[in-house]
Amino acid sequence: MMSETRVEAKGLTTRAWIIGGSLLLAAAVVGDSAARVWSGTSFVRDLLVAAALLLFAFGFRGAASITARRPVPTIALTVLAISLPISPWLTTILFSWDAPLDLIVALTQATLLVQFAFALIAVMAIGRLEVVPSPFNWAPALALAAITLSAVAQAVAAIAITQNVQEVFVVLVGVDEIIRVGTLVALGVIAIVLGDRATRHSDFSDSPRRAHADRTALNS
């Protein structure tokens, strides 16, 4: 019985992680080009990333959850996923209502800080729980660090903006886009490779936390 449960859990892990990784790759490949259809926003990319995050958080039938179904990181990842497509949509609505620019900027900055907080909670938990095999369990944290550093660099350049540094700011925006696409591709490839490894390799690393969470989910 234990062996059958373990095999089923690995099968669910393969499906969840490969589909999740594919969604991230799709977001990287088609996000920008498709998003331009809707007023230049990244709505399509955000939807694809949100779907991937929800799949990684909950898996299939509770198995394959990279947060081991722990309430705090699972909720953090869920809130982050939901906020990604909603945030720019709300900003567009505020612009259409001619809301004060200061209010829109303040709300945007507050949203970004909240998203960062939830993302930090999630990636640190993913790293510590080791549901994702080491050292790839820290890949989401590294991705968040790269995106955060890029955003901070843009913010500093925006504050110190002068005619002499405008070109630098444009370069930073381009670099930020490369970093965001690159992190999506990297995380997508890692998820697909680990998902394939879950069933193709008998030595796939089964952490106690993942095994316990998967058994609990399958038996519930």
N, C-alpha and C. Protein backbone atom coordinates (compact mmCIF):
# COMPACT_ATOMS: atom_id res chain seq x y z
N MET A 1 0.83 -1.20 0.00
CA MET A 1 0.00 0.00 0.00
C MET A 1 0.87 1.25 0.00
N MET A 2 1.90 1.23 0.85
CA MET A 2 2.80 2.37 0.92
C MET A 2 3.49 2.60 -0.41
N SER A 3 3.88 1.49 -1.07
CA SER A 3 4.56 1.61 -2.37
C SER A 3 3.61 2.19 -3.41
N GLU A 4 2.34 1.74 -3.40
CA GLU A 4 1.38 2.25 -4.37
C GLU A 4 1.13 3.74 -4.14
N THR A 5 1.03 4.14 -2.88
CA THR A 5 0.83 5.55 -2.57
C THR A 5 2.01 6.38 -3.04
N ARG A 6 3.21 5.86 -2.83
CA ARG A 6 4.41 6.58 -3.25
C ARG A 6 4.47 6.72 -4.76
N VAL A 7 4.12 5.67 -5.49
CA VAL A 7 4.12 5.72 -6.95
C VAL A 7 3.08 6.73 -7.44
N GLU A 8 1.90 6.70 -6.82
CA GLU A 8 0.85 7.63 -7.23
C GLU A 8 1.27 9.07 -6.96
N ALA A 9 1.90 9.29 -5.80
CA ALA A 9 2.36 10.64 -5.45
C ALA A 9 3.41 11.13 -6.44
N LYS A 10 4.33 10.25 -6.85
CA LYS A 10 5.34 10.65 -7.83
C LYS A 10 4.71 10.97 -9.17
N GLY A 11 3.68 10.19 -9.54
CA GLY A 11 2.99 10.46 -10.79
C GLY A 11 2.31 11.82 -10.77
N LEU A 12 1.67 12.16 -9.65
CA LEU A 12 1.04 13.46 -9.50
C LEU A 12 2.07 14.59 -9.50
N THR A 13 3.22 14.32 -8.88
CA THR A 13 4.29 15.31 -8.87
C THR A 13 4.77 15.59 -10.29
N THR A 14 4.95 14.52 -11.08
CA THR A 14 5.37 14.69 -12.46
C THR A 14 4.39 15.56 -13.23
N ARG A 15 3.12 15.25 -13.12
CA ARG A 15 2.11 16.02 -13.84
C ARG A 15 2.08 17.47 -13.40
N ALA A 16 2.05 17.69 -12.09
CA ALA A 16 1.91 19.05 -11.57
C ALA A 16 3.12 19.91 -11.93
N TRP A 17 4.32 19.36 -11.72
CA TRP A 17 5.51 20.17 -11.95
C TRP A 17 5.78 20.40 -13.44
N ILE A 18 5.48 19.41 -14.27
CA ILE A 18 5.69 19.60 -15.71
C ILE A 18 4.68 20.61 -16.26
N ILE A 19 3.42 20.51 -15.84
CA ILE A 19 2.42 21.47 -16.30
C ILE A 19 2.75 22.87 -15.77
N GLY A 20 3.12 22.95 -14.49
CA GLY A 20 3.49 24.24 -13.92
C GLY A 20 4.68 24.86 -14.62
N GLY A 21 5.70 24.05 -14.89
CA GLY A 21 6.86 24.55 -15.61
C GLY A 21 6.51 24.99 -17.01
N SER A 22 5.63 24.26 -17.67
CA SER A 22 5.20 24.63 -19.03
C SER A 22 4.45 25.96 -19.03
N LEU A 23 3.65 26.19 -17.98
CA LEU A 23 2.95 27.47 -17.86
C LEU A 23 3.94 28.63 -17.71
N LEU A 24 5.00 28.41 -16.94
CA LEU A 24 6.01 29.45 -16.78
C LEU A 24 6.74 29.72 -18.10
N LEU A 25 7.06 28.67 -18.83
CA LEU A 25 7.70 28.85 -20.13
C LEU A 25 6.76 29.57 -21.10
N ALA A 26 5.48 29.21 -21.05
CA ALA A 26 4.51 29.88 -21.92
C ALA A 26 4.42 31.37 -21.57
N ALA A 27 4.48 31.68 -20.28
CA ALA A 27 4.45 33.08 -19.86
C ALA A 27 5.65 33.84 -20.39
N ALA A 28 6.81 33.19 -20.39
CA ALA A 28 8.02 33.83 -20.88
C ALA A 28 7.99 34.02 -22.39
N VAL A 29 7.42 33.05 -23.10
CA VAL A 29 7.46 33.07 -24.57
C VAL A 29 6.38 33.97 -25.16
N VAL A 30 5.15 33.81 -24.68
CA VAL A 30 4.03 34.51 -25.32
C VAL A 30 3.50 35.67 -24.50
N GLY A 31 3.96 35.82 -23.28
CA GLY A 31 3.41 36.85 -22.42
C GLY A 31 3.45 38.24 -23.00
N ASP A 32 4.63 38.70 -23.40
CA ASP A 32 4.76 40.06 -23.90
C ASP A 32 4.00 40.30 -25.18
N SER A 33 4.18 39.41 -26.15
CA SER A 33 3.55 39.62 -27.45
C SER A 33 2.04 39.57 -27.37
N ALA A 34 1.51 38.61 -26.58
CA ALA A 34 0.06 38.50 -26.45
C ALA A 34 -0.51 39.62 -25.59
N ALA A 35 0.28 40.06 -24.59
CA ALA A 35 -0.24 41.07 -23.67
C ALA A 35 -0.46 42.41 -24.35
N ARG A 36 0.27 42.70 -25.43
CA ARG A 36 0.13 44.00 -26.08
C ARG A 36 -1.26 44.19 -26.68
N VAL A 37 -2.00 43.11 -26.82
CA VAL A 37 -3.36 43.21 -27.35
C VAL A 37 -4.23 43.99 -26.37
N TRP A 38 -3.94 43.88 -25.07
CA TRP A 38 -4.73 44.55 -24.04
C TRP A 38 -3.99 45.76 -23.50
N SER A 39 -4.06 46.84 -24.21
CA SER A 39 -3.55 48.15 -23.76
C SER A 39 -2.11 48.09 -23.27
N GLY A 40 -1.31 47.20 -23.82
CA GLY A 40 0.10 47.14 -23.46
C GLY A 40 0.38 46.51 -22.12
N THR A 41 -0.62 45.96 -21.43
CA THR A 41 -0.38 45.34 -20.13
C THR A 41 0.17 43.93 -20.31
N SER A 42 0.62 43.36 -19.19
CA SER A 42 1.15 41.99 -19.22
C SER A 42 0.12 41.02 -18.65
N PHE A 43 -1.14 41.24 -19.03
CA PHE A 43 -2.23 40.46 -18.43
C PHE A 43 -2.09 38.96 -18.70
N VAL A 44 -1.74 38.61 -19.94
CA VAL A 44 -1.63 37.19 -20.29
C VAL A 44 -0.51 36.53 -19.50
N ARG A 45 0.63 37.20 -19.43
CA ARG A 45 1.75 36.64 -18.67
C ARG A 45 1.37 36.46 -17.21
N ASP A 46 0.71 37.46 -16.64
CA ASP A 46 0.33 37.38 -15.23
C ASP A 46 -0.63 36.22 -14.98
N LEU A 47 -1.57 36.00 -15.90
CA LEU A 47 -2.49 34.89 -15.75
C LEU A 47 -1.77 33.54 -15.79
N LEU A 48 -0.83 33.41 -16.71
CA LEU A 48 -0.09 32.15 -16.83
C LEU A 48 0.76 31.90 -15.59
N VAL A 49 1.44 32.94 -15.11
CA VAL A 49 2.25 32.79 -13.91
C VAL A 49 1.38 32.48 -12.70
N ALA A 50 0.22 33.15 -12.60
CA ALA A 50 -0.69 32.90 -11.49
C ALA A 50 -1.17 31.45 -11.49
N ALA A 51 -1.50 30.94 -12.68
CA ALA A 51 -1.95 29.54 -12.77
C ALA A 51 -0.84 28.59 -12.34
N ALA A 52 0.40 28.89 -12.74
CA ALA A 52 1.53 28.04 -12.35
C ALA A 52 1.74 28.07 -10.84
N LEU A 53 1.67 29.25 -10.24
CA LEU A 53 1.88 29.37 -8.79
C LEU A 53 0.81 28.61 -8.02
N LEU A 54 -0.43 28.71 -8.46
CA LEU A 54 -1.51 27.98 -7.79
C LEU A 54 -1.31 26.48 -7.90
N LEU A 55 -0.84 26.03 -9.06
CA LEU A 55 -0.59 24.60 -9.25
C LEU A 55 0.56 24.13 -8.37
N PHE A 56 1.61 24.93 -8.27
CA PHE A 56 2.73 24.57 -7.40
C PHE A 56 2.31 24.60 -5.93
N ALA A 57 1.40 25.50 -5.57
CA ALA A 57 0.97 25.60 -4.18
C ALA A 57 0.10 24.43 -3.76
N PHE A 58 -0.81 24.00 -4.64
CA PHE A 58 -1.78 22.98 -4.26
C PHE A 58 -1.54 21.63 -4.92
N GLY A 59 -0.81 21.59 -6.04
CA GLY A 59 -0.57 20.33 -6.73
C GLY A 59 -1.85 19.72 -7.23
N PHE A 60 -1.85 18.40 -7.36
CA PHE A 60 -3.04 17.65 -7.74
C PHE A 60 -3.49 16.83 -6.53
N ARG A 61 -4.77 17.00 -6.16
CA ARG A 61 -5.30 16.29 -4.99
C ARG A 61 -4.46 16.54 -3.75
N GLY A 62 -3.82 17.70 -3.71
CA GLY A 62 -3.00 18.05 -2.56
C GLY A 62 -1.57 17.54 -2.64
N ALA A 63 -1.32 16.51 -3.47
CA ALA A 63 0.04 16.00 -3.63
C ALA A 63 0.82 16.92 -4.57
N ALA A 64 2.15 16.88 -4.46
CA ALA A 64 3.05 17.66 -5.30
C ALA A 64 3.07 19.13 -4.93
N SER A 65 2.56 19.48 -3.77
CA SER A 65 2.61 20.86 -3.31
C SER A 65 4.03 21.20 -2.88
N ILE A 66 4.61 22.24 -3.45
CA ILE A 66 6.00 22.59 -3.11
C ILE A 66 6.07 23.28 -1.74
N THR A 67 4.91 23.60 -1.16
CA THR A 67 4.90 24.17 0.18
C THR A 67 4.52 23.12 1.23
N ALA A 68 4.45 21.85 0.81
CA ALA A 68 4.09 20.76 1.71
C ALA A 68 2.75 21.00 2.39
N ARG A 69 1.89 21.79 1.74
CA ARG A 69 0.56 22.11 2.25
C ARG A 69 0.60 22.84 3.59
N ARG A 70 1.75 23.45 3.90
CA ARG A 70 1.83 24.25 5.12
C ARG A 70 0.97 25.50 4.93
N PRO A 71 0.15 25.86 5.90
CA PRO A 71 -0.81 26.97 5.71
C PRO A 71 -0.18 28.30 5.33
N VAL A 72 0.86 28.73 6.06
CA VAL A 72 1.41 30.07 5.83
C VAL A 72 2.01 30.21 4.42
N PRO A 73 2.96 29.36 4.00
CA PRO A 73 3.51 29.53 2.66
C PRO A 73 2.49 29.26 1.55
N THR A 74 1.55 28.34 1.79
CA THR A 74 0.53 28.06 0.79
C THR A 74 -0.38 29.26 0.59
N ILE A 75 -0.79 29.89 1.69
CA ILE A 75 -1.61 31.09 1.60
C ILE A 75 -0.83 32.22 0.94
N ALA A 76 0.44 32.36 1.31
CA ALA A 76 1.27 33.43 0.73
C ALA A 76 1.39 33.26 -0.78
N LEU A 77 1.63 32.03 -1.23
CA LEU A 77 1.76 31.78 -2.66
C LEU A 77 0.42 32.00 -3.38
N THR A 78 -0.66 31.66 -2.72
CA THR A 78 -1.99 31.83 -3.30
C THR A 78 -2.33 33.31 -3.45
N VAL A 79 -2.10 34.09 -2.41
CA VAL A 79 -2.38 35.52 -2.46
C VAL A 79 -1.52 36.20 -3.52
N LEU A 80 -0.25 35.81 -3.60
CA LEU A 80 0.64 36.35 -4.62
C LEU A 80 0.10 36.04 -6.01
N ALA A 81 -0.31 34.80 -6.23
CA ALA A 81 -0.82 34.40 -7.54
C ALA A 81 -2.06 35.20 -7.93
N ILE A 82 -2.98 35.36 -6.99
CA ILE A 82 -4.23 36.08 -7.28
C ILE A 82 -3.96 37.56 -7.55
N SER A 83 -2.98 38.11 -6.84
CA SER A 83 -2.72 39.55 -6.98
C SER A 83 -2.06 39.91 -8.31
N LEU A 84 -1.36 38.97 -8.92
CA LEU A 84 -0.61 39.30 -10.13
C LEU A 84 -1.50 39.81 -11.27
N PRO A 85 -2.58 39.11 -11.65
CA PRO A 85 -3.41 39.63 -12.73
C PRO A 85 -4.37 40.73 -12.28
N ILE A 86 -4.71 40.77 -10.98
CA ILE A 86 -5.68 41.74 -10.50
C ILE A 86 -5.08 43.13 -10.35
N SER A 87 -3.83 43.21 -9.90
CA SER A 87 -3.21 44.49 -9.60
C SER A 87 -3.17 45.44 -10.81
N PRO A 88 -2.63 45.02 -11.97
CA PRO A 88 -2.63 45.94 -13.11
C PRO A 88 -4.03 46.28 -13.61
N TRP A 89 -4.96 45.35 -13.46
CA TRP A 89 -6.34 45.60 -13.86
C TRP A 89 -6.96 46.71 -13.02
N LEU A 90 -6.72 46.67 -11.71
CA LEU A 90 -7.22 47.71 -10.83
C LEU A 90 -6.58 49.06 -11.14
N THR A 91 -5.28 49.04 -11.48
CA THR A 91 -4.60 50.28 -11.85
C THR A 91 -5.23 50.90 -13.09
N THR A 92 -5.55 50.06 -14.06
CA THR A 92 -6.20 50.55 -15.29
C THR A 92 -7.55 51.17 -14.97
N ILE A 93 -8.30 50.55 -14.06
CA ILE A 93 -9.60 51.09 -13.66
C ILE A 93 -9.44 52.46 -12.99
N LEU A 94 -8.44 52.59 -12.11
CA LEU A 94 -8.21 53.87 -11.44
C LEU A 94 -7.88 54.96 -12.44
N PHE A 95 -7.08 54.62 -13.46
CA PHE A 95 -6.76 55.60 -14.50
C PHE A 95 -8.02 56.01 -15.26
N SER A 96 -8.88 55.04 -15.54
CA SER A 96 -10.11 55.34 -16.28
C SER A 96 -11.06 56.22 -15.46
N TRP A 97 -10.96 56.14 -14.14
CA TRP A 97 -11.79 56.97 -13.26
C TRP A 97 -11.13 58.32 -12.96
N ASP A 98 -10.00 58.60 -13.61
CA ASP A 98 -9.27 59.85 -13.39
C ASP A 98 -8.89 60.05 -11.93
N ALA A 99 -8.49 58.97 -11.29
CA ALA A 99 -8.05 59.06 -9.89
C ALA A 99 -6.76 59.86 -9.82
N PRO A 100 -6.51 60.53 -8.70
CA PRO A 100 -5.27 61.31 -8.55
C PRO A 100 -4.03 60.44 -8.78
N LEU A 101 -3.08 60.98 -9.48
CA LEU A 101 -1.87 60.22 -9.80
C LEU A 101 -1.13 59.79 -8.55
N ASP A 102 -1.09 60.67 -7.55
CA ASP A 102 -0.41 60.32 -6.29
C ASP A 102 -1.05 59.10 -5.63
N LEU A 103 -2.38 59.00 -5.71
CA LEU A 103 -3.08 57.86 -5.13
C LEU A 103 -2.73 56.58 -5.88
N ILE A 104 -2.70 56.67 -7.21
CA ILE A 104 -2.38 55.49 -8.02
C ILE A 104 -0.96 55.02 -7.74
N VAL A 105 -0.02 55.97 -7.66
CA VAL A 105 1.37 55.62 -7.38
C VAL A 105 1.50 54.99 -6.00
N ALA A 106 0.83 55.57 -5.01
CA ALA A 106 0.90 55.04 -3.64
C ALA A 106 0.33 53.63 -3.58
N LEU A 107 -0.83 53.41 -4.21
CA LEU A 107 -1.43 52.09 -4.20
C LEU A 107 -0.56 51.08 -4.95
N THR A 108 0.04 51.50 -6.04
CA THR A 108 0.93 50.61 -6.80
C THR A 108 2.13 50.20 -5.97
N GLN A 109 2.74 51.18 -5.31
CA GLN A 109 3.90 50.88 -4.47
C GLN A 109 3.52 49.97 -3.30
N ALA A 110 2.36 50.23 -2.69
CA ALA A 110 1.91 49.40 -1.58
C ALA A 110 1.65 47.97 -2.05
N THR A 111 1.06 47.83 -3.24
CA THR A 111 0.80 46.50 -3.79
C THR A 111 2.09 45.75 -4.04
N LEU A 112 3.09 46.44 -4.58
CA LEU A 112 4.38 45.80 -4.84
C LEU A 112 5.05 45.34 -3.55
N LEU A 113 4.94 46.15 -2.51
CA LEU A 113 5.53 45.77 -1.22
C LEU A 113 4.83 44.55 -0.64
N VAL A 114 3.50 44.52 -0.75
CA VAL A 114 2.75 43.37 -0.24
C VAL A 114 3.09 42.12 -1.04
N GLN A 115 3.18 42.26 -2.36
CA GLN A 115 3.55 41.11 -3.19
C GLN A 115 4.94 40.60 -2.84
N PHE A 116 5.86 41.54 -2.60
CA PHE A 116 7.21 41.13 -2.22
C PHE A 116 7.20 40.38 -0.89
N ALA A 117 6.41 40.87 0.06
CA ALA A 117 6.35 40.22 1.38
C ALA A 117 5.83 38.79 1.25
N PHE A 118 4.75 38.61 0.51
CA PHE A 118 4.19 37.27 0.34
C PHE A 118 5.15 36.37 -0.45
N ALA A 119 5.80 36.94 -1.46
CA ALA A 119 6.76 36.15 -2.24
C ALA A 119 7.93 35.72 -1.36
N LEU A 120 8.40 36.62 -0.50
CA LEU A 120 9.52 36.29 0.39
C LEU A 120 9.14 35.18 1.36
N ILE A 121 7.94 35.26 1.92
CA ILE A 121 7.47 34.20 2.82
C ILE A 121 7.45 32.86 2.09
N ALA A 122 6.93 32.87 0.86
CA ALA A 122 6.79 31.62 0.11
C ALA A 122 8.15 31.02 -0.26
N VAL A 123 9.05 31.84 -0.80
CA VAL A 123 10.32 31.28 -1.28
C VAL A 123 11.20 30.82 -0.14
N MET A 124 11.16 31.51 1.00
CA MET A 124 11.95 31.07 2.14
C MET A 124 11.43 29.75 2.68
N ALA A 125 10.11 29.59 2.68
CA ALA A 125 9.54 28.33 3.14
C ALA A 125 9.88 27.20 2.17
N ILE A 126 9.82 27.47 0.88
CA ILE A 126 10.16 26.46 -0.13
C ILE A 126 11.61 26.02 0.05
N GLY A 127 12.48 26.97 0.33
CA GLY A 127 13.88 26.63 0.53
C GLY A 127 14.11 25.79 1.77
N ARG A 128 13.44 26.13 2.86
CA ARG A 128 13.65 25.41 4.12
C ARG A 128 12.96 24.05 4.15
N LEU A 129 11.80 23.96 3.53
CA LEU A 129 11.05 22.70 3.59
C LEU A 129 11.70 21.59 2.78
N GLU A 130 12.41 21.93 1.71
CA GLU A 130 13.11 20.96 0.86
C GLU A 130 12.15 19.95 0.24
N VAL A 131 10.91 20.37 -0.03
CA VAL A 131 10.03 19.53 -0.83
C VAL A 131 10.60 19.42 -2.23
N VAL A 132 11.07 20.55 -2.76
CA VAL A 132 11.81 20.55 -4.02
C VAL A 132 13.23 20.09 -3.71
N PRO A 133 13.75 19.13 -4.48
CA PRO A 133 15.09 18.59 -4.20
C PRO A 133 16.16 19.68 -4.16
N SER A 134 17.09 19.55 -3.22
CA SER A 134 18.23 20.46 -3.10
C SER A 134 19.18 20.26 -4.29
N PRO A 135 19.81 21.31 -4.80
CA PRO A 135 19.78 22.71 -4.36
C PRO A 135 18.70 23.55 -5.04
N PHE A 136 17.82 22.89 -5.81
CA PHE A 136 16.84 23.63 -6.59
C PHE A 136 15.75 24.25 -5.71
N ASN A 137 15.68 23.83 -4.45
CA ASN A 137 14.69 24.41 -3.55
C ASN A 137 14.93 25.89 -3.29
N TRP A 138 16.18 26.35 -3.55
CA TRP A 138 16.48 27.77 -3.36
C TRP A 138 16.40 28.56 -4.67
N ALA A 139 16.05 27.93 -5.77
CA ALA A 139 15.94 28.63 -7.05
C ALA A 139 14.89 29.75 -7.01
N PRO A 140 13.70 29.52 -6.43
CA PRO A 140 12.73 30.62 -6.35
C PRO A 140 13.25 31.82 -5.56
N ALA A 141 14.01 31.56 -4.48
CA ALA A 141 14.57 32.66 -3.70
C ALA A 141 15.58 33.45 -4.51
N LEU A 142 16.42 32.77 -5.28
CA LEU A 142 17.39 33.45 -6.13
C LEU A 142 16.69 34.27 -7.21
N ALA A 143 15.61 33.72 -7.76
CA ALA A 143 14.84 34.45 -8.77
C ALA A 143 14.24 35.72 -8.17
N LEU A 144 13.68 35.61 -6.97
CA LEU A 144 13.11 36.78 -6.31
C LEU A 144 14.19 37.81 -6.02
N ALA A 145 15.36 37.38 -5.59
CA ALA A 145 16.46 38.29 -5.31
C ALA A 145 16.88 39.06 -6.57
N ALA A 146 16.98 38.36 -7.70
CA ALA A 146 17.37 39.00 -8.95
C ALA A 146 16.35 40.04 -9.38
N ILE A 147 15.07 39.70 -9.30
CA ILE A 147 14.01 40.63 -9.69
C ILE A 147 13.97 41.83 -8.75
N THR A 148 14.17 41.58 -7.45
CA THR A 148 14.15 42.67 -6.47
C THR A 148 15.30 43.64 -6.69
N LEU A 149 16.50 43.12 -6.90
CA LEU A 149 17.65 43.99 -7.15
C LEU A 149 17.45 44.83 -8.39
N SER A 150 16.88 44.24 -9.42
CA SER A 150 16.61 44.99 -10.64
C SER A 150 15.59 46.09 -10.40
N ALA A 151 14.55 45.78 -9.63
CA ALA A 151 13.52 46.79 -9.33
C ALA A 151 14.09 47.93 -8.49
N VAL A 152 14.96 47.60 -7.52
CA VAL A 152 15.59 48.62 -6.69
C VAL A 152 16.47 49.53 -7.55
N ALA A 153 17.22 48.94 -8.47
CA ALA A 153 18.07 49.73 -9.35
C ALA A 153 17.25 50.71 -10.19
N GLN A 154 16.11 50.25 -10.68
CA GLN A 154 15.23 51.13 -11.45
C GLN A 154 14.68 52.25 -10.58
N ALA A 155 14.30 51.93 -9.34
CA ALA A 155 13.75 52.93 -8.44
C ALA A 155 14.78 54.01 -8.13
N VAL A 156 16.01 53.60 -7.88
CA VAL A 156 17.08 54.56 -7.59
C VAL A 156 17.32 55.45 -8.81
N ALA A 157 17.35 54.84 -10.00
CA ALA A 157 17.56 55.61 -11.21
C ALA A 157 16.42 56.58 -11.46
N ALA A 158 15.18 56.17 -11.14
CA ALA A 158 14.02 57.03 -11.34
C ALA A 158 14.06 58.24 -10.42
N ILE A 159 14.52 58.03 -9.17
CA ILE A 159 14.62 59.13 -8.22
C ILE A 159 15.69 60.12 -8.65
N ALA A 160 16.80 59.60 -9.14
CA ALA A 160 17.93 60.46 -9.52
C ALA A 160 17.90 60.82 -11.00
N ILE A 161 16.72 60.69 -11.61
CA ILE A 161 16.64 60.85 -13.04
C ILE A 161 17.04 62.27 -13.47
N THR A 162 17.92 62.36 -14.39
CA THR A 162 18.31 63.60 -15.06
C THR A 162 18.52 63.28 -16.52
N GLN A 163 18.74 64.27 -17.30
CA GLN A 163 18.92 64.02 -18.73
C GLN A 163 20.14 63.14 -18.98
N ASN A 164 21.11 63.22 -18.09
CA ASN A 164 22.34 62.44 -18.28
C ASN A 164 22.15 60.96 -17.98
N VAL A 165 21.15 60.63 -17.15
CA VAL A 165 20.99 59.23 -16.77
C VAL A 165 19.74 58.60 -17.38
N GLN A 166 19.06 59.34 -18.24
CA GLN A 166 17.88 58.79 -18.88
C GLN A 166 18.21 57.54 -19.69
N GLU A 167 19.34 57.58 -20.37
CA GLU A 167 19.74 56.41 -21.16
C GLU A 167 20.04 55.22 -20.25
N VAL A 168 20.62 55.50 -19.09
CA VAL A 168 20.89 54.42 -18.13
C VAL A 168 19.59 53.80 -17.66
N PHE A 169 18.58 54.65 -17.40
CA PHE A 169 17.28 54.15 -16.94
C PHE A 169 16.64 53.26 -18.01
N VAL A 170 16.74 53.67 -19.26
CA VAL A 170 16.19 52.86 -20.35
C VAL A 170 16.88 51.50 -20.41
N VAL A 171 18.19 51.52 -20.21
CA VAL A 171 18.94 50.26 -20.20
C VAL A 171 18.49 49.38 -19.04
N LEU A 172 18.29 49.98 -17.87
CA LEU A 172 17.85 49.22 -16.70
C LEU A 172 16.48 48.58 -16.92
N VAL A 173 15.60 49.29 -17.60
CA VAL A 173 14.28 48.73 -17.91
C VAL A 173 14.42 47.51 -18.81
N GLY A 174 15.30 47.63 -19.81
CA GLY A 174 15.53 46.50 -20.70
C GLY A 174 16.15 45.31 -19.98
N VAL A 175 17.09 45.59 -19.08
CA VAL A 175 17.73 44.53 -18.31
C VAL A 175 16.70 43.86 -17.39
N ASP A 176 15.82 44.67 -16.81
CA ASP A 176 14.79 44.13 -15.93
C ASP A 176 13.90 43.15 -16.68
N GLU A 177 13.53 43.50 -17.92
CA GLU A 177 12.70 42.61 -18.71
C GLU A 177 13.43 41.30 -19.00
N ILE A 178 14.71 41.40 -19.30
CA ILE A 178 15.51 40.19 -19.56
C ILE A 178 15.56 39.32 -18.31
N ILE A 179 15.75 39.95 -17.15
CA ILE A 179 15.81 39.19 -15.90
C ILE A 179 14.49 38.49 -15.62
N ARG A 180 13.38 39.19 -15.82
CA ARG A 180 12.08 38.60 -15.55
C ARG A 180 11.80 37.42 -16.48
N VAL A 181 12.10 37.60 -17.76
CA VAL A 181 11.91 36.50 -18.70
C VAL A 181 12.86 35.36 -18.37
N GLY A 182 14.10 35.71 -18.04
CA GLY A 182 15.09 34.68 -17.72
C GLY A 182 14.72 33.85 -16.50
N THR A 183 14.18 34.51 -15.47
CA THR A 183 13.78 33.76 -14.28
C THR A 183 12.60 32.83 -14.58
N LEU A 184 11.68 33.29 -15.41
CA LEU A 184 10.55 32.43 -15.80
C LEU A 184 11.05 31.20 -16.54
N VAL A 185 11.97 31.42 -17.48
CA VAL A 185 12.52 30.30 -18.25
C VAL A 185 13.27 29.34 -17.33
N ALA A 186 14.12 29.89 -16.46
CA ALA A 186 14.92 29.04 -15.57
C ALA A 186 14.04 28.22 -14.64
N LEU A 187 13.07 28.86 -14.00
CA LEU A 187 12.19 28.13 -13.08
C LEU A 187 11.32 27.13 -13.83
N GLY A 188 10.89 27.50 -15.04
CA GLY A 188 10.09 26.58 -15.83
C GLY A 188 10.85 25.33 -16.21
N VAL A 189 12.09 25.52 -16.66
CA VAL A 189 12.93 24.38 -17.05
C VAL A 189 13.23 23.49 -15.83
N ILE A 190 13.55 24.12 -14.70
CA ILE A 190 13.83 23.35 -13.48
C ILE A 190 12.62 22.51 -13.08
N ALA A 191 11.43 23.11 -13.13
CA ALA A 191 10.21 22.39 -12.75
C ALA A 191 9.96 21.20 -13.67
N ILE A 192 10.14 21.41 -14.97
CA ILE A 192 9.91 20.33 -15.93
C ILE A 192 10.92 19.20 -15.73
N VAL A 193 12.18 19.56 -15.55
CA VAL A 193 13.23 18.55 -15.37
C VAL A 193 12.99 17.75 -14.10
N LEU A 194 12.66 18.44 -13.01
CA LEU A 194 12.41 17.74 -11.74
C LEU A 194 11.14 16.91 -11.81
N GLY A 195 10.14 17.40 -12.52
CA GLY A 195 8.92 16.63 -12.69
C GLY A 195 9.17 15.34 -13.46
N ASP A 196 9.98 15.44 -14.51
CA ASP A 196 10.32 14.25 -15.29
C ASP A 196 11.17 13.29 -14.45
N ARG A 197 12.04 13.86 -13.64
CA ARG A 197 12.93 13.04 -12.82
C ARG A 197 12.16 12.27 -11.74
N ALA A 198 11.00 12.81 -11.34
CA ALA A 198 10.24 12.20 -10.24
C ALA A 198 9.84 10.77 -10.54
N THR A 199 9.53 10.46 -11.79
CA THR A 199 9.10 9.10 -12.12
C THR A 199 10.13 8.32 -12.93
N ARG A 200 11.01 9.03 -13.61
CA ARG A 200 11.99 8.35 -14.47
C ARG A 200 13.21 7.87 -13.70
N HIS A 201 13.43 8.43 -12.51
CA HIS A 201 14.61 8.05 -11.73
C HIS A 201 14.18 7.52 -10.38
N SER A 202 14.57 6.34 -10.07
CA SER A 202 14.19 5.72 -8.80
C SER A 202 14.86 6.38 -7.61
N ASP A 203 15.95 7.11 -7.86
CA ASP A 203 16.67 7.75 -6.76
C ASP A 203 16.21 9.19 -6.54
N PHE A 204 15.03 9.53 -7.09
CA PHE A 204 14.50 10.87 -6.90
C PHE A 204 14.40 11.15 -5.40
N SER A 205 14.92 12.30 -5.01
CA SER A 205 15.01 12.64 -3.58
C SER A 205 13.63 12.82 -2.98
N ASP A 206 13.25 11.94 -2.07
CA ASP A 206 11.98 12.03 -1.35
C ASP A 206 12.25 12.59 0.04
N SER A 207 12.00 13.87 0.22
CA SER A 207 12.19 14.43 1.55
C SER A 207 11.07 13.92 2.46
N PRO A 208 11.34 13.79 3.76
CA PRO A 208 10.29 13.35 4.69
C PRO A 208 9.06 14.24 4.64
N ARG A 209 9.27 15.55 4.48
CA ARG A 209 8.14 16.48 4.46
C ARG A 209 7.27 16.25 3.23
N ARG A 210 7.91 16.05 2.06
CA ARG A 210 7.11 15.83 0.86
C ARG A 210 6.38 14.50 0.94
N ALA A 211 7.07 13.47 1.40
CA ALA A 211 6.45 12.15 1.49
C ALA A 211 5.26 12.19 2.45
N HIS A 212 5.42 12.85 3.59
CA HIS A 212 4.33 12.93 4.57
C HIS A 212 3.16 13.73 4.01
N ALA A 213 3.46 14.87 3.35
CA ALA A 213 2.38 15.70 2.81
C ALA A 213 1.63 14.96 1.71
N ASP A 214 2.35 14.25 0.85
CA ASP A 214 1.70 13.53 -0.24
C ASP A 214 0.84 12.39 0.30
N ARG A 215 1.34 11.64 1.29
CA ARG A 215 0.54 10.56 1.86
C ARG A 215 -0.72 11.10 2.52
N THR A 216 -0.56 12.22 3.24
CA THR A 216 -1.72 12.81 3.90
C THR A 216 -2.76 13.25 2.88
N ALA A 217 -2.29 13.86 1.79
CA ALA A 217 -3.22 14.34 0.76
C ALA A 217 -3.92 13.18 0.06
N LEU A 218 -3.19 12.13 -0.27
CA LEU A 218 -3.78 11.01 -0.99
C LEU A 218 -4.72 10.20 -0.13
N ASN A 219 -4.49 10.20 1.18
CA ASN A 219 -5.34 9.41 2.07
C ASN A 219 -6.53 10.20 2.59
N SER A 220 -6.55 11.52 2.28
CA SER A 220 -7.65 12.35 2.79
C SER A 220 -8.85 12.29 1.88
